[in-house]
N, C-alpha and C. Protein backbone atom coordinates (compact mmCIF):
# COMPACT_ATOMS: atom_id res chain seq x y z
N MET A 1 -48.35 -30.76 12.91
CA MET A 1 -49.31 -29.94 12.21
C MET A 1 -49.01 -29.76 10.72
N PRO A 2 -50.05 -29.92 9.93
CA PRO A 2 -49.82 -29.83 8.38
C PRO A 2 -49.48 -28.42 8.00
N ALA A 3 -48.65 -28.22 7.03
CA ALA A 3 -48.25 -26.95 6.53
C ALA A 3 -49.49 -26.16 5.89
N MET A 4 -49.51 -24.92 6.06
CA MET A 4 -50.62 -24.21 5.41
C MET A 4 -50.39 -24.20 3.91
N LYS A 5 -51.60 -24.17 3.21
CA LYS A 5 -51.49 -24.13 1.76
C LYS A 5 -50.99 -22.79 1.33
N LYS A 6 -51.49 -21.75 2.05
CA LYS A 6 -51.12 -20.35 1.82
C LYS A 6 -51.18 -19.72 3.13
N GLY A 7 -50.05 -19.28 3.73
CA GLY A 7 -50.05 -18.60 4.96
C GLY A 7 -50.30 -17.09 4.86
N TYR A 8 -50.30 -16.48 5.98
CA TYR A 8 -50.61 -15.04 5.98
C TYR A 8 -49.59 -14.17 5.27
N LYS A 9 -48.37 -14.56 5.21
CA LYS A 9 -47.30 -13.86 4.48
C LYS A 9 -47.59 -13.85 3.00
N ALA A 10 -47.96 -15.03 2.43
CA ALA A 10 -48.27 -15.10 1.12
C ALA A 10 -49.60 -14.28 0.76
N LEU A 11 -50.58 -14.42 1.63
CA LEU A 11 -51.76 -13.54 1.42
C LEU A 11 -51.41 -12.08 1.47
N LEU A 12 -50.55 -11.64 2.39
CA LEU A 12 -50.20 -10.16 2.43
C LEU A 12 -49.33 -9.77 1.18
N ASP A 13 -48.43 -10.65 0.73
CA ASP A 13 -47.71 -10.30 -0.42
C ASP A 13 -48.64 -10.16 -1.69
N GLU A 14 -49.60 -11.08 -1.72
CA GLU A 14 -50.60 -11.00 -2.87
C GLU A 14 -51.42 -9.71 -2.77
N ALA A 15 -51.79 -9.37 -1.51
CA ALA A 15 -52.61 -8.20 -1.23
C ALA A 15 -51.83 -6.93 -1.65
N ASN A 16 -50.67 -6.88 -1.13
CA ASN A 16 -49.86 -5.71 -1.40
C ASN A 16 -49.49 -5.46 -2.76
N ALA A 17 -49.33 -6.47 -3.53
CA ALA A 17 -49.02 -6.41 -4.95
C ALA A 17 -50.17 -5.86 -5.77
N GLY A 18 -51.39 -5.99 -5.23
CA GLY A 18 -52.56 -5.63 -6.02
C GLY A 18 -53.36 -4.45 -5.45
N ILE A 19 -52.84 -3.77 -4.48
CA ILE A 19 -53.56 -2.58 -3.92
C ILE A 19 -52.65 -1.41 -3.95
N GLU A 20 -53.22 -0.26 -3.67
CA GLU A 20 -52.43 0.98 -3.55
C GLU A 20 -52.36 1.34 -2.04
N ALA A 21 -51.16 1.57 -1.61
CA ALA A 21 -50.85 1.95 -0.23
C ALA A 21 -50.45 3.43 -0.24
N VAL A 22 -50.86 4.16 0.81
CA VAL A 22 -50.41 5.53 0.90
C VAL A 22 -49.74 5.69 2.37
N THR A 23 -48.83 6.76 2.36
CA THR A 23 -48.27 7.02 3.71
C THR A 23 -49.47 7.70 4.63
N PRO A 24 -49.15 7.73 5.91
CA PRO A 24 -50.10 8.47 6.77
C PRO A 24 -50.19 9.95 6.27
N THR A 25 -49.19 10.56 5.92
CA THR A 25 -49.20 12.02 5.53
C THR A 25 -49.99 12.16 4.29
N GLU A 26 -49.78 11.22 3.32
CA GLU A 26 -50.70 11.17 2.02
C GLU A 26 -52.13 11.02 2.36
N ALA A 27 -52.44 10.10 3.26
CA ALA A 27 -53.80 9.79 3.63
C ALA A 27 -54.37 11.09 4.32
N ALA A 28 -53.59 11.77 5.21
CA ALA A 28 -54.20 13.00 5.85
C ALA A 28 -54.48 14.00 4.75
N ASP A 29 -53.63 14.21 3.82
CA ASP A 29 -53.78 15.21 2.80
C ASP A 29 -55.05 14.80 1.85
N LEU A 30 -55.18 13.52 1.56
CA LEU A 30 -56.21 13.05 0.76
C LEU A 30 -57.59 13.24 1.50
N ALA A 31 -57.63 12.95 2.86
CA ALA A 31 -58.77 13.05 3.65
C ALA A 31 -59.30 14.41 3.78
N ARG A 32 -58.59 15.45 3.45
CA ARG A 32 -59.10 16.79 3.38
C ARG A 32 -60.16 17.05 2.28
N ASN A 33 -60.29 16.10 1.39
CA ASN A 33 -61.22 16.16 0.34
C ASN A 33 -62.50 15.50 0.66
N ASP A 34 -63.56 16.11 0.49
CA ASP A 34 -64.90 15.54 0.92
C ASP A 34 -65.31 14.20 0.32
N ASP A 35 -64.58 13.90 -0.84
CA ASP A 35 -64.86 12.65 -1.52
C ASP A 35 -63.95 11.51 -1.04
N VAL A 36 -63.23 11.67 0.05
CA VAL A 36 -62.36 10.73 0.60
C VAL A 36 -62.79 10.38 2.01
N LEU A 37 -62.94 9.05 2.42
CA LEU A 37 -63.19 8.65 3.78
C LEU A 37 -62.04 7.75 4.27
N LEU A 38 -61.58 7.99 5.47
CA LEU A 38 -60.78 7.06 6.11
C LEU A 38 -61.58 6.07 6.84
N VAL A 39 -61.32 4.82 6.81
CA VAL A 39 -62.09 3.72 7.41
C VAL A 39 -61.19 2.89 8.39
N ASP A 40 -61.52 2.99 9.57
CA ASP A 40 -60.82 2.29 10.61
C ASP A 40 -61.42 0.89 10.85
N ILE A 41 -60.70 -0.09 10.64
CA ILE A 41 -61.26 -1.52 10.66
C ILE A 41 -60.85 -2.18 11.97
N ARG A 42 -60.15 -1.44 12.85
CA ARG A 42 -59.80 -2.06 14.17
C ARG A 42 -60.95 -2.35 14.97
N ASP A 43 -60.77 -3.30 15.94
CA ASP A 43 -61.70 -3.70 16.99
C ASP A 43 -62.09 -2.41 17.88
N VAL A 44 -63.34 -2.31 18.37
CA VAL A 44 -63.68 -1.22 19.12
C VAL A 44 -62.78 -1.00 20.43
N ARG A 45 -62.33 -2.07 20.96
CA ARG A 45 -61.42 -2.08 22.10
C ARG A 45 -60.16 -1.36 21.83
N GLU A 46 -59.65 -1.59 20.52
CA GLU A 46 -58.40 -0.86 20.03
C GLU A 46 -58.62 0.63 20.05
N LEU A 47 -59.79 1.00 19.48
CA LEU A 47 -60.08 2.38 19.44
C LEU A 47 -60.16 3.03 20.74
N GLN A 48 -60.89 2.38 21.60
CA GLN A 48 -60.95 2.88 23.09
C GLN A 48 -59.57 2.93 23.72
N ARG A 49 -58.65 1.99 23.52
CA ARG A 49 -57.40 1.95 24.11
C ARG A 49 -56.41 3.00 23.51
N GLU A 50 -56.31 2.99 22.16
CA GLU A 50 -55.33 3.89 21.41
C GLU A 50 -55.82 5.23 20.93
N GLY A 51 -57.14 5.32 20.80
CA GLY A 51 -57.73 6.59 20.24
C GLY A 51 -58.02 6.35 18.78
N LYS A 52 -58.52 7.44 18.13
CA LYS A 52 -58.92 7.23 16.71
C LYS A 52 -58.50 8.47 15.94
N ILE A 53 -58.56 8.37 14.66
CA ILE A 53 -58.26 9.49 13.69
C ILE A 53 -59.61 10.29 13.55
N PRO A 54 -59.49 11.54 13.85
CA PRO A 54 -60.72 12.44 13.71
C PRO A 54 -61.25 12.28 12.33
N GLY A 55 -62.57 12.14 12.26
CA GLY A 55 -63.22 12.09 10.93
C GLY A 55 -63.26 10.72 10.34
N ALA A 56 -62.53 9.83 10.90
CA ALA A 56 -62.66 8.37 10.36
C ALA A 56 -63.82 7.75 10.69
N ILE A 57 -64.29 6.85 9.82
CA ILE A 57 -65.48 6.14 10.18
C ILE A 57 -65.00 4.67 10.72
N HIS A 58 -65.78 4.02 11.47
CA HIS A 58 -65.47 2.71 12.05
C HIS A 58 -66.21 1.62 11.29
N ALA A 59 -65.53 0.68 10.78
CA ALA A 59 -66.22 -0.46 10.14
C ALA A 59 -65.34 -1.69 10.65
N PRO A 60 -65.89 -2.31 11.63
CA PRO A 60 -65.10 -3.57 12.18
C PRO A 60 -64.78 -4.51 11.04
N ARG A 61 -63.48 -5.01 11.16
CA ARG A 61 -63.02 -5.99 10.15
C ARG A 61 -64.09 -7.14 9.92
N GLY A 62 -64.54 -7.68 10.98
CA GLY A 62 -65.43 -8.79 10.92
C GLY A 62 -66.69 -8.51 10.19
N MET A 63 -67.15 -7.32 9.99
CA MET A 63 -68.34 -6.95 9.37
C MET A 63 -68.19 -6.31 8.01
N LEU A 64 -66.93 -6.06 7.63
CA LEU A 64 -66.64 -5.22 6.44
C LEU A 64 -67.31 -5.70 5.22
N GLU A 65 -67.16 -6.98 4.82
CA GLU A 65 -67.66 -7.55 3.67
C GLU A 65 -69.28 -7.38 3.51
N PHE A 66 -69.80 -7.56 4.64
CA PHE A 66 -71.22 -7.47 4.82
C PHE A 66 -71.75 -6.01 4.68
N TRP A 67 -70.90 -5.04 5.17
CA TRP A 67 -71.32 -3.61 5.14
C TRP A 67 -71.09 -3.06 3.72
N VAL A 68 -70.12 -3.63 3.00
CA VAL A 68 -69.84 -3.15 1.61
C VAL A 68 -70.79 -3.71 0.62
N ASP A 69 -71.24 -4.92 0.70
CA ASP A 69 -72.02 -5.59 -0.26
C ASP A 69 -73.44 -5.08 -0.19
N PRO A 70 -73.92 -4.45 -1.37
CA PRO A 70 -75.29 -3.85 -1.35
C PRO A 70 -76.38 -4.95 -1.25
N GLU A 71 -76.05 -6.23 -1.52
CA GLU A 71 -77.00 -7.38 -1.51
C GLU A 71 -77.04 -7.81 -0.04
N SER A 72 -76.16 -7.45 0.88
CA SER A 72 -76.22 -7.83 2.25
C SER A 72 -77.30 -7.13 2.99
N PRO A 73 -77.98 -7.87 4.03
CA PRO A 73 -78.92 -7.18 4.91
C PRO A 73 -78.23 -6.21 5.77
N TYR A 74 -76.85 -6.27 5.92
CA TYR A 74 -76.16 -5.38 6.87
C TYR A 74 -75.44 -4.19 6.10
N HIS A 75 -75.79 -4.12 4.77
CA HIS A 75 -75.19 -3.12 3.98
C HIS A 75 -75.25 -1.71 4.59
N LYS A 76 -74.16 -0.89 4.48
CA LYS A 76 -74.12 0.46 4.99
C LYS A 76 -74.01 1.38 3.76
N GLU A 77 -74.88 2.32 3.60
CA GLU A 77 -75.04 3.22 2.44
C GLU A 77 -73.75 3.96 2.17
N VAL A 78 -73.01 4.22 3.25
CA VAL A 78 -71.72 5.03 3.05
C VAL A 78 -70.89 4.30 1.91
N PHE A 79 -70.84 3.03 1.94
CA PHE A 79 -70.06 2.23 0.98
C PHE A 79 -70.59 2.35 -0.42
N ALA A 80 -71.77 2.92 -0.58
CA ALA A 80 -72.28 3.04 -1.98
C ALA A 80 -72.22 4.52 -2.38
N SER A 81 -71.49 5.28 -1.69
CA SER A 81 -71.35 6.79 -1.94
C SER A 81 -70.57 7.22 -3.09
N GLY A 82 -69.71 6.26 -3.61
CA GLY A 82 -68.82 6.67 -4.63
C GLY A 82 -67.59 7.30 -4.20
N LYS A 83 -67.33 7.44 -2.90
CA LYS A 83 -66.15 8.09 -2.42
C LYS A 83 -64.89 7.19 -2.53
N THR A 84 -63.76 7.71 -2.36
CA THR A 84 -62.58 6.98 -2.17
C THR A 84 -62.39 6.53 -0.79
N PHE A 85 -62.11 5.27 -0.51
CA PHE A 85 -62.05 4.82 0.83
C PHE A 85 -60.51 4.43 1.16
N ILE A 86 -60.07 4.87 2.27
CA ILE A 86 -58.68 4.50 2.69
C ILE A 86 -58.75 3.82 4.00
N PHE A 87 -58.49 2.54 3.86
CA PHE A 87 -58.57 1.61 5.06
C PHE A 87 -57.36 1.74 5.84
N PHE A 88 -57.50 1.47 7.23
CA PHE A 88 -56.33 1.25 8.06
C PHE A 88 -56.76 0.49 9.29
N CYS A 89 -55.74 -0.20 9.82
CA CYS A 89 -55.85 -0.86 11.10
C CYS A 89 -54.71 -0.56 12.05
N ALA A 90 -54.34 -1.28 12.91
CA ALA A 90 -53.21 -0.96 13.83
C ALA A 90 -51.92 -0.80 13.21
N GLY A 91 -51.57 -1.77 12.36
CA GLY A 91 -50.14 -1.74 11.77
C GLY A 91 -50.10 -1.99 10.18
N GLY A 92 -51.23 -2.06 9.57
CA GLY A 92 -51.22 -2.13 8.10
C GLY A 92 -51.41 -3.52 7.61
N LEU A 93 -51.36 -4.58 8.37
CA LEU A 93 -51.62 -5.94 7.93
C LEU A 93 -53.10 -6.26 7.57
N ARG A 94 -53.96 -6.18 8.62
CA ARG A 94 -55.34 -6.36 8.37
C ARG A 94 -55.88 -5.45 7.32
N SER A 95 -55.47 -4.21 7.23
CA SER A 95 -56.06 -3.33 6.24
C SER A 95 -55.62 -3.60 4.84
N ALA A 96 -54.37 -4.14 4.73
CA ALA A 96 -53.99 -4.60 3.33
C ALA A 96 -54.92 -5.77 2.92
N LEU A 97 -55.15 -6.69 3.69
CA LEU A 97 -56.01 -7.82 3.34
C LEU A 97 -57.43 -7.33 3.07
N ALA A 98 -57.90 -6.43 3.93
CA ALA A 98 -59.33 -5.92 3.79
C ALA A 98 -59.37 -5.18 2.53
N THR A 99 -58.44 -4.25 2.25
CA THR A 99 -58.43 -3.37 1.02
C THR A 99 -58.52 -4.38 -0.25
N LYS A 100 -57.62 -5.36 -0.25
CA LYS A 100 -57.61 -6.35 -1.41
C LYS A 100 -59.00 -7.02 -1.56
N THR A 101 -59.62 -7.41 -0.37
CA THR A 101 -60.94 -8.09 -0.43
C THR A 101 -62.05 -7.15 -0.92
N VAL A 102 -62.11 -5.96 -0.46
CA VAL A 102 -63.22 -5.03 -0.88
C VAL A 102 -62.94 -4.69 -2.33
N GLN A 103 -61.71 -4.49 -2.73
CA GLN A 103 -61.40 -4.26 -4.13
C GLN A 103 -61.87 -5.37 -5.03
N ASP A 104 -61.57 -6.69 -4.55
CA ASP A 104 -61.99 -7.78 -5.39
C ASP A 104 -63.51 -7.85 -5.48
N MET A 105 -64.19 -7.36 -4.41
CA MET A 105 -65.66 -7.30 -4.40
C MET A 105 -66.20 -6.22 -5.37
N GLY A 106 -65.41 -5.35 -5.79
CA GLY A 106 -65.85 -4.22 -6.73
C GLY A 106 -65.91 -2.86 -6.15
N LEU A 107 -65.53 -2.67 -4.79
CA LEU A 107 -65.44 -1.36 -4.34
C LEU A 107 -64.21 -0.60 -4.79
N ALA A 108 -64.45 0.52 -5.35
CA ALA A 108 -63.32 1.38 -5.93
C ALA A 108 -63.70 2.85 -5.86
N PRO A 109 -62.76 3.67 -5.76
CA PRO A 109 -61.30 3.34 -5.56
C PRO A 109 -61.07 3.19 -4.00
N VAL A 110 -60.05 2.40 -3.77
CA VAL A 110 -59.68 1.94 -2.33
C VAL A 110 -58.22 2.04 -2.22
N LYS A 111 -57.74 2.23 -0.95
CA LYS A 111 -56.30 2.46 -0.69
C LYS A 111 -56.23 1.92 0.76
N HIS A 112 -55.01 1.76 1.19
CA HIS A 112 -54.85 1.68 2.70
C HIS A 112 -53.50 2.34 3.12
N ILE A 113 -53.53 2.61 4.42
CA ILE A 113 -52.41 3.29 5.01
C ILE A 113 -51.34 2.41 5.40
N GLU A 114 -50.20 2.56 4.76
CA GLU A 114 -49.06 1.79 5.08
C GLU A 114 -48.62 2.03 6.55
N GLY A 115 -48.51 1.02 7.35
CA GLY A 115 -48.14 1.09 8.74
C GLY A 115 -49.36 1.39 9.71
N GLY A 116 -50.53 1.54 9.08
CA GLY A 116 -51.77 1.68 9.87
C GLY A 116 -51.76 2.86 10.85
N PHE A 117 -52.64 2.76 11.94
CA PHE A 117 -52.73 3.77 12.91
C PHE A 117 -51.44 4.06 13.72
N GLY A 118 -50.65 3.01 13.84
CA GLY A 118 -49.28 3.17 14.51
C GLY A 118 -48.48 4.18 13.79
N ALA A 119 -48.41 4.00 12.51
CA ALA A 119 -47.56 4.93 11.65
C ALA A 119 -48.17 6.42 11.57
N TRP A 120 -49.54 6.41 11.57
CA TRP A 120 -50.29 7.65 11.65
C TRP A 120 -49.81 8.37 12.90
N ARG A 121 -49.87 7.72 14.05
CA ARG A 121 -49.52 8.43 15.36
C ARG A 121 -48.08 8.79 15.43
N GLU A 122 -47.23 7.84 14.94
CA GLU A 122 -45.79 8.17 14.82
C GLU A 122 -45.45 9.37 13.92
N ALA A 123 -46.24 9.65 12.92
CA ALA A 123 -46.06 10.74 12.13
C ALA A 123 -46.54 12.08 12.72
N GLY A 124 -47.09 12.00 14.03
CA GLY A 124 -47.53 13.11 14.71
C GLY A 124 -48.84 13.72 14.15
N LEU A 125 -49.63 12.91 13.48
CA LEU A 125 -50.89 13.30 13.04
C LEU A 125 -51.88 13.25 14.02
N PRO A 126 -53.11 14.08 13.89
CA PRO A 126 -54.11 14.06 15.03
C PRO A 126 -54.75 12.75 15.34
N VAL A 127 -54.87 12.61 16.62
CA VAL A 127 -55.55 11.50 17.24
C VAL A 127 -56.48 11.98 18.32
N GLU A 128 -57.71 11.42 18.47
CA GLU A 128 -58.59 11.81 19.49
C GLU A 128 -58.83 10.60 20.29
N THR A 129 -59.32 10.81 21.58
CA THR A 129 -59.69 9.75 22.51
C THR A 129 -61.15 9.30 22.16
N VAL A 130 -61.30 8.03 22.44
CA VAL A 130 -62.70 7.50 22.22
C VAL A 130 -63.19 7.07 23.66
N PRO A 131 -64.37 7.76 24.08
CA PRO A 131 -64.82 7.35 25.39
C PRO A 131 -65.30 5.85 25.55
N THR A 132 -65.01 5.25 26.64
CA THR A 132 -65.54 3.90 26.95
C THR A 132 -66.93 4.00 27.41
N LYS A 133 -67.69 3.00 27.12
CA LYS A 133 -69.15 2.93 27.41
C LYS A 133 -69.37 2.18 28.54
């Protein structure tokens, strides 16, 4: 198998060098402000299995670029609100890449939660269940 030109570790290093990360506690404090939204990019099955952060919006990673771009037929107005967006996934890897991507697209200000949902839960911050359909 040929070597990758740029593997996920290099992509993560680049992303982390160019974005702002916050701790779960910092994210919780920031989210008390009406101008800040937490954005959960995990798969819906992860939400159903692990729970979710109260008040966070769900934007599946696979649709994120389409939802953020105002030119896209799938654009979601929430991403044109001028708010600060704090992205998170299960462990902080996907959200680092996602945060870098939307930042490169021009969405600002953006941050991501270091350690993701797992770190949020470990910090003892609130989690609510998500009903299965």
